[in-house]
Amino acid sequence: MKNLLTTIPQRGDLRHWANVEKILQACDSEEDFWTFGCRYFPKESGPGALCFMVHSGYVRGYFTVLEFTEEDAWRCSEDQQEPELYQGPKVKLAVWRSIPTVPQRGFQGWRYTQLQP
């Protein structure tokens, strides 16, 4: 099973690493998780794999992949009055772990990676 790499977009509440880090540290269980959307699920990965996260030009840490899901999710940011319905395929992640930063240019979508903790 291959590990994944994806980028956290730098917009809204997610613009500054200090804000993002607080959110990620709270993702420590299946009830408090992070998701990212995708057009299709990674075929060579799955639950138990790791997903490394890029922000501001660096890999900052990783999550454990919980599942691939198409369940609807609600998300809200500080500048929104109402939560927004988020539909379609998603990768559900939990248990954030920081690592020493590794330079990596951001990109859209996800990629397979050889990175290890």
N, C-alpha and C. Protein backbone atom coordinates (compact mmCIF):
# COMPACT_ATOMS: atom_id res chain seq x y z
N MET A 1 0.85 -1.17 0.00
CA MET A 1 0.00 0.00 0.00
C MET A 1 0.90 1.24 0.00
N LYS A 2 0.57 2.19 -0.88
CA LYS A 2 1.38 3.39 -1.02
C LYS A 2 0.85 4.53 -0.17
N ASN A 3 1.77 5.37 0.30
CA ASN A 3 1.40 6.57 1.04
C ASN A 3 1.02 7.68 0.07
N LEU A 4 0.29 8.66 0.56
CA LEU A 4 -0.20 9.77 -0.26
C LEU A 4 0.45 11.09 0.15
N LEU A 5 0.36 12.05 -0.75
CA LEU A 5 0.84 13.41 -0.53
C LEU A 5 -0.21 14.34 -1.10
N THR A 6 -0.62 15.35 -0.34
CA THR A 6 -1.58 16.33 -0.82
C THR A 6 -1.25 17.69 -0.23
N THR A 7 -1.84 18.74 -0.79
CA THR A 7 -1.55 20.11 -0.37
C THR A 7 -2.76 20.72 0.31
N ILE A 8 -2.52 21.41 1.41
CA ILE A 8 -3.57 22.18 2.08
C ILE A 8 -3.62 23.55 1.39
N PRO A 9 -4.74 23.91 0.80
CA PRO A 9 -4.81 25.20 0.09
C PRO A 9 -4.62 26.38 1.06
N GLN A 10 -3.89 27.39 0.62
CA GLN A 10 -3.62 28.56 1.45
C GLN A 10 -4.63 29.65 1.14
N ARG A 11 -5.84 29.48 1.66
CA ARG A 11 -6.88 30.50 1.49
C ARG A 11 -7.75 30.53 2.74
N GLY A 12 -8.37 31.67 2.95
CA GLY A 12 -9.25 31.83 4.10
C GLY A 12 -8.53 31.53 5.40
N ASP A 13 -9.18 30.70 6.24
CA ASP A 13 -8.61 30.33 7.54
C ASP A 13 -7.30 29.55 7.41
N LEU A 14 -7.05 29.01 6.25
CA LEU A 14 -5.89 28.12 6.06
C LEU A 14 -4.67 28.85 5.50
N ARG A 15 -4.72 30.15 5.45
CA ARG A 15 -3.63 30.93 4.86
C ARG A 15 -2.33 30.84 5.67
N HIS A 16 -2.44 30.88 6.99
CA HIS A 16 -1.26 30.92 7.85
C HIS A 16 -1.05 29.59 8.56
N TRP A 17 0.19 29.11 8.55
CA TRP A 17 0.51 27.81 9.12
C TRP A 17 0.10 27.70 10.59
N ALA A 18 0.28 28.73 11.38
CA ALA A 18 -0.07 28.67 12.81
C ALA A 18 -1.56 28.32 12.99
N ASN A 19 -2.42 28.89 12.16
CA ASN A 19 -3.86 28.59 12.24
C ASN A 19 -4.13 27.15 11.80
N VAL A 20 -3.48 26.73 10.73
CA VAL A 20 -3.69 25.37 10.21
C VAL A 20 -3.22 24.35 11.23
N GLU A 21 -2.08 24.60 11.83
CA GLU A 21 -1.52 23.65 12.79
C GLU A 21 -2.47 23.39 13.95
N LYS A 22 -3.14 24.42 14.45
CA LYS A 22 -4.12 24.25 15.53
C LYS A 22 -5.26 23.34 15.10
N ILE A 23 -5.73 23.53 13.88
CA ILE A 23 -6.82 22.69 13.37
C ILE A 23 -6.35 21.25 13.23
N LEU A 24 -5.17 21.05 12.65
CA LEU A 24 -4.66 19.70 12.43
C LEU A 24 -4.44 18.95 13.75
N GLN A 25 -3.92 19.64 14.74
CA GLN A 25 -3.67 19.00 16.03
C GLN A 25 -4.96 18.53 16.70
N ALA A 26 -6.07 19.14 16.36
CA ALA A 26 -7.36 18.73 16.92
C ALA A 26 -7.94 17.50 16.20
N CYS A 27 -7.34 17.10 15.10
CA CYS A 27 -7.82 15.94 14.32
C CYS A 27 -7.17 14.68 14.88
N ASP A 28 -7.66 14.25 16.03
CA ASP A 28 -6.99 13.15 16.71
C ASP A 28 -7.87 11.92 16.93
N SER A 29 -9.01 11.86 16.25
CA SER A 29 -9.87 10.68 16.38
C SER A 29 -10.78 10.58 15.16
N GLU A 30 -11.53 9.51 15.09
CA GLU A 30 -12.46 9.34 13.97
C GLU A 30 -13.60 10.35 14.04
N GLU A 31 -13.85 10.92 15.21
CA GLU A 31 -14.88 11.95 15.34
C GLU A 31 -14.35 13.33 14.95
N ASP A 32 -13.06 13.54 15.12
CA ASP A 32 -12.41 14.81 14.79
C ASP A 32 -11.39 14.53 13.70
N PHE A 33 -11.82 14.66 12.45
CA PHE A 33 -11.00 14.23 11.33
C PHE A 33 -10.85 15.34 10.30
N TRP A 34 -9.98 15.12 9.33
CA TRP A 34 -9.73 16.03 8.21
C TRP A 34 -10.10 15.26 6.96
N THR A 35 -10.69 15.91 5.98
CA THR A 35 -10.96 15.26 4.69
C THR A 35 -10.41 16.12 3.56
N PHE A 36 -10.11 15.47 2.46
CA PHE A 36 -9.85 16.21 1.23
C PHE A 36 -10.59 15.52 0.11
N GLY A 37 -11.11 16.33 -0.80
CA GLY A 37 -11.88 15.80 -1.92
C GLY A 37 -10.99 15.35 -3.06
N CYS A 38 -11.50 14.43 -3.85
CA CYS A 38 -10.76 13.92 -5.00
C CYS A 38 -11.75 13.48 -6.08
N ARG A 39 -11.31 13.44 -7.30
CA ARG A 39 -12.17 12.97 -8.40
C ARG A 39 -12.36 11.47 -8.33
N TYR A 40 -11.29 10.77 -7.94
CA TYR A 40 -11.34 9.32 -7.82
C TYR A 40 -10.43 8.89 -6.68
N PHE A 41 -10.72 7.75 -6.11
CA PHE A 41 -9.96 7.26 -4.97
C PHE A 41 -8.63 6.67 -5.44
N PRO A 42 -7.57 6.83 -4.64
CA PRO A 42 -6.28 6.22 -4.98
C PRO A 42 -6.41 4.69 -4.95
N LYS A 43 -6.11 4.04 -6.05
CA LYS A 43 -6.27 2.58 -6.14
C LYS A 43 -5.16 1.83 -5.42
N GLU A 44 -3.99 2.45 -5.28
CA GLU A 44 -2.85 1.75 -4.68
C GLU A 44 -2.64 2.14 -3.22
N SER A 45 -3.67 2.71 -2.61
CA SER A 45 -3.60 3.12 -1.21
C SER A 45 -4.90 2.74 -0.54
N GLY A 46 -4.97 2.95 0.77
CA GLY A 46 -6.20 2.64 1.48
C GLY A 46 -6.05 2.87 2.96
N PRO A 47 -7.06 2.44 3.74
CA PRO A 47 -7.01 2.62 5.19
C PRO A 47 -5.72 2.07 5.78
N GLY A 48 -5.12 2.88 6.66
CA GLY A 48 -3.87 2.49 7.30
C GLY A 48 -2.65 3.12 6.64
N ALA A 49 -2.79 3.58 5.40
CA ALA A 49 -1.68 4.27 4.73
C ALA A 49 -1.51 5.64 5.38
N LEU A 50 -0.43 6.31 5.06
CA LEU A 50 -0.17 7.65 5.58
C LEU A 50 -0.42 8.66 4.49
N CYS A 51 -0.86 9.85 4.89
CA CYS A 51 -1.07 10.94 3.95
C CYS A 51 -0.29 12.15 4.46
N PHE A 52 0.78 12.50 3.75
CA PHE A 52 1.63 13.63 4.10
C PHE A 52 1.01 14.90 3.54
N MET A 53 1.13 15.99 4.33
CA MET A 53 0.46 17.25 3.99
C MET A 53 1.48 18.35 3.71
N VAL A 54 1.27 19.06 2.59
CA VAL A 54 2.12 20.18 2.19
C VAL A 54 1.40 21.48 2.53
N HIS A 55 2.13 22.43 3.10
CA HIS A 55 1.61 23.78 3.33
C HIS A 55 2.78 24.75 3.27
N SER A 56 2.62 25.85 2.57
CA SER A 56 3.63 26.92 2.47
C SER A 56 4.97 26.40 1.96
N GLY A 57 4.95 25.47 1.03
CA GLY A 57 6.18 24.99 0.42
C GLY A 57 6.92 23.91 1.18
N TYR A 58 6.28 23.33 2.19
CA TYR A 58 6.93 22.28 2.99
C TYR A 58 5.95 21.17 3.35
N VAL A 59 6.44 19.94 3.39
CA VAL A 59 5.69 18.85 4.00
C VAL A 59 5.81 19.10 5.50
N ARG A 60 4.66 19.17 6.19
CA ARG A 60 4.65 19.56 7.60
C ARG A 60 4.37 18.40 8.55
N GLY A 61 3.78 17.33 8.03
CA GLY A 61 3.43 16.20 8.87
C GLY A 61 2.54 15.24 8.09
N TYR A 62 1.91 14.32 8.80
CA TYR A 62 1.08 13.32 8.13
C TYR A 62 -0.08 12.88 9.01
N PHE A 63 -1.06 12.33 8.33
CA PHE A 63 -2.23 11.71 8.94
C PHE A 63 -2.23 10.23 8.59
N THR A 64 -3.05 9.47 9.29
CA THR A 64 -3.36 8.10 8.91
C THR A 64 -4.66 8.13 8.12
N VAL A 65 -4.71 7.41 7.01
CA VAL A 65 -5.93 7.32 6.21
C VAL A 65 -6.91 6.41 6.94
N LEU A 66 -8.10 6.94 7.24
CA LEU A 66 -9.14 6.14 7.89
C LEU A 66 -9.96 5.37 6.87
N GLU A 67 -10.41 6.10 5.83
CA GLU A 67 -11.25 5.46 4.83
C GLU A 67 -11.41 6.38 3.62
N PHE A 68 -11.91 5.79 2.56
CA PHE A 68 -12.37 6.55 1.40
C PHE A 68 -13.89 6.56 1.51
N THR A 69 -14.50 7.72 1.34
CA THR A 69 -15.93 7.82 1.56
C THR A 69 -16.58 8.78 0.56
N GLU A 70 -17.85 8.58 0.32
CA GLU A 70 -18.63 9.52 -0.48
C GLU A 70 -19.74 10.13 0.36
N GLU A 71 -19.66 9.95 1.69
CA GLU A 71 -20.65 10.56 2.58
C GLU A 71 -20.56 12.08 2.50
N ASP A 72 -21.70 12.73 2.57
CA ASP A 72 -21.72 14.19 2.61
C ASP A 72 -21.04 14.67 3.88
N ALA A 73 -20.39 15.81 3.79
CA ALA A 73 -19.75 16.43 4.95
C ALA A 73 -20.07 17.91 4.94
N TRP A 74 -20.09 18.50 6.11
CA TRP A 74 -20.31 19.93 6.25
C TRP A 74 -19.01 20.56 6.68
N ARG A 75 -18.68 21.70 6.09
CA ARG A 75 -17.49 22.42 6.53
C ARG A 75 -17.81 23.90 6.65
N CYS A 76 -17.11 24.52 7.57
CA CYS A 76 -17.37 25.92 7.86
C CYS A 76 -16.05 26.60 8.21
N SER A 77 -15.88 27.81 7.79
CA SER A 77 -14.69 28.57 8.15
C SER A 77 -15.11 29.77 8.98
N GLU A 78 -14.14 30.44 9.56
CA GLU A 78 -14.43 31.58 10.43
C GLU A 78 -15.20 32.68 9.72
N ASP A 79 -14.97 32.85 8.41
CA ASP A 79 -15.61 33.94 7.68
C ASP A 79 -16.94 33.54 7.03
N GLN A 80 -17.44 32.33 7.32
CA GLN A 80 -18.73 31.88 6.79
C GLN A 80 -19.79 31.95 7.86
N GLN A 81 -20.99 32.34 7.47
CA GLN A 81 -22.11 32.36 8.40
C GLN A 81 -22.74 30.96 8.52
N GLU A 82 -22.84 30.28 7.39
CA GLU A 82 -23.49 28.97 7.34
C GLU A 82 -22.51 27.91 6.85
N PRO A 83 -22.55 26.70 7.42
CA PRO A 83 -21.71 25.61 6.91
C PRO A 83 -22.06 25.30 5.46
N GLU A 84 -21.08 24.83 4.72
CA GLU A 84 -21.24 24.49 3.30
C GLU A 84 -21.24 22.97 3.14
N LEU A 85 -22.19 22.45 2.36
CA LEU A 85 -22.26 21.02 2.10
C LEU A 85 -21.16 20.64 1.11
N TYR A 86 -20.41 19.63 1.45
CA TYR A 86 -19.26 19.17 0.67
C TYR A 86 -19.57 17.75 0.22
N GLN A 87 -19.79 17.56 -1.09
CA GLN A 87 -20.20 16.25 -1.61
C GLN A 87 -19.11 15.66 -2.49
N GLY A 88 -19.25 14.37 -2.80
CA GLY A 88 -18.34 13.69 -3.69
C GLY A 88 -17.32 12.85 -2.95
N PRO A 89 -16.43 12.20 -3.70
CA PRO A 89 -15.41 11.33 -3.08
C PRO A 89 -14.47 12.13 -2.17
N LYS A 90 -14.18 11.55 -1.01
CA LYS A 90 -13.29 12.18 -0.04
C LYS A 90 -12.39 11.13 0.60
N VAL A 91 -11.20 11.56 0.97
CA VAL A 91 -10.30 10.74 1.76
C VAL A 91 -10.39 11.27 3.19
N LYS A 92 -10.72 10.39 4.12
CA LYS A 92 -10.91 10.77 5.52
C LYS A 92 -9.63 10.42 6.29
N LEU A 93 -9.09 11.43 7.02
CA LEU A 93 -7.80 11.31 7.69
C LEU A 93 -7.92 11.67 9.17
N ALA A 94 -7.08 11.06 9.99
CA ALA A 94 -7.06 11.41 11.42
C ALA A 94 -5.69 11.13 12.02
N VAL A 95 -5.49 11.60 13.23
CA VAL A 95 -4.29 11.43 14.04
C VAL A 95 -3.10 12.14 13.38
N TRP A 96 -3.09 13.46 13.51
CA TRP A 96 -2.03 14.30 12.96
C TRP A 96 -0.72 14.10 13.71
N ARG A 97 0.37 13.99 12.93
CA ARG A 97 1.72 13.90 13.50
C ARG A 97 2.62 14.87 12.75
N SER A 98 3.26 15.78 13.47
CA SER A 98 4.20 16.72 12.86
C SER A 98 5.52 16.01 12.58
N ILE A 99 6.24 16.50 11.58
CA ILE A 99 7.59 16.01 11.27
C ILE A 99 8.47 17.23 10.98
N PRO A 100 9.79 17.06 11.01
CA PRO A 100 10.66 18.16 10.56
C PRO A 100 10.30 18.48 9.10
N THR A 101 10.26 19.77 8.78
CA THR A 101 9.80 20.17 7.44
C THR A 101 10.71 19.64 6.34
N VAL A 102 10.07 19.32 5.22
CA VAL A 102 10.75 18.85 4.02
C VAL A 102 10.27 19.74 2.88
N PRO A 103 11.17 20.40 2.13
CA PRO A 103 10.71 21.25 1.03
C PRO A 103 9.88 20.46 0.01
N GLN A 104 8.77 21.03 -0.39
CA GLN A 104 7.90 20.39 -1.39
C GLN A 104 6.98 21.45 -1.97
N ARG A 105 6.98 21.60 -3.25
CA ARG A 105 6.10 22.55 -3.90
C ARG A 105 4.66 22.03 -3.84
N GLY A 106 3.73 22.93 -3.57
CA GLY A 106 2.33 22.56 -3.51
C GLY A 106 1.76 22.22 -4.88
N PHE A 107 0.64 21.52 -4.91
CA PHE A 107 -0.01 21.08 -6.15
C PHE A 107 -1.47 20.78 -5.85
N GLN A 108 -2.26 20.63 -6.89
CA GLN A 108 -3.66 20.26 -6.72
C GLN A 108 -3.79 18.74 -6.76
N GLY A 109 -4.76 18.24 -6.03
CA GLY A 109 -5.02 16.79 -6.04
C GLY A 109 -4.14 16.06 -5.06
N TRP A 110 -3.85 14.80 -5.36
CA TRP A 110 -3.00 13.97 -4.52
C TRP A 110 -2.00 13.24 -5.39
N ARG A 111 -0.95 12.75 -4.77
CA ARG A 111 0.07 11.95 -5.45
C ARG A 111 0.50 10.82 -4.51
N TYR A 112 1.05 9.76 -5.10
CA TYR A 112 1.70 8.74 -4.29
C TYR A 112 3.07 9.27 -3.91
N THR A 113 3.57 8.84 -2.75
CA THR A 113 4.86 9.30 -2.27
C THR A 113 5.65 8.17 -1.62
N GLN A 114 6.97 8.32 -1.66
CA GLN A 114 7.86 7.38 -0.99
C GLN A 114 8.19 7.86 0.43
N LEU A 115 7.66 9.04 0.84
CA LEU A 115 7.96 9.58 2.16
C LEU A 115 7.55 8.60 3.25
N GLN A 116 8.37 8.56 4.29
CA GLN A 116 8.10 7.75 5.47
C GLN A 116 8.35 8.62 6.70
N PRO A 117 7.70 8.32 7.82
CA PRO A 117 7.93 9.11 9.05
C PRO A 117 9.34 8.94 9.57
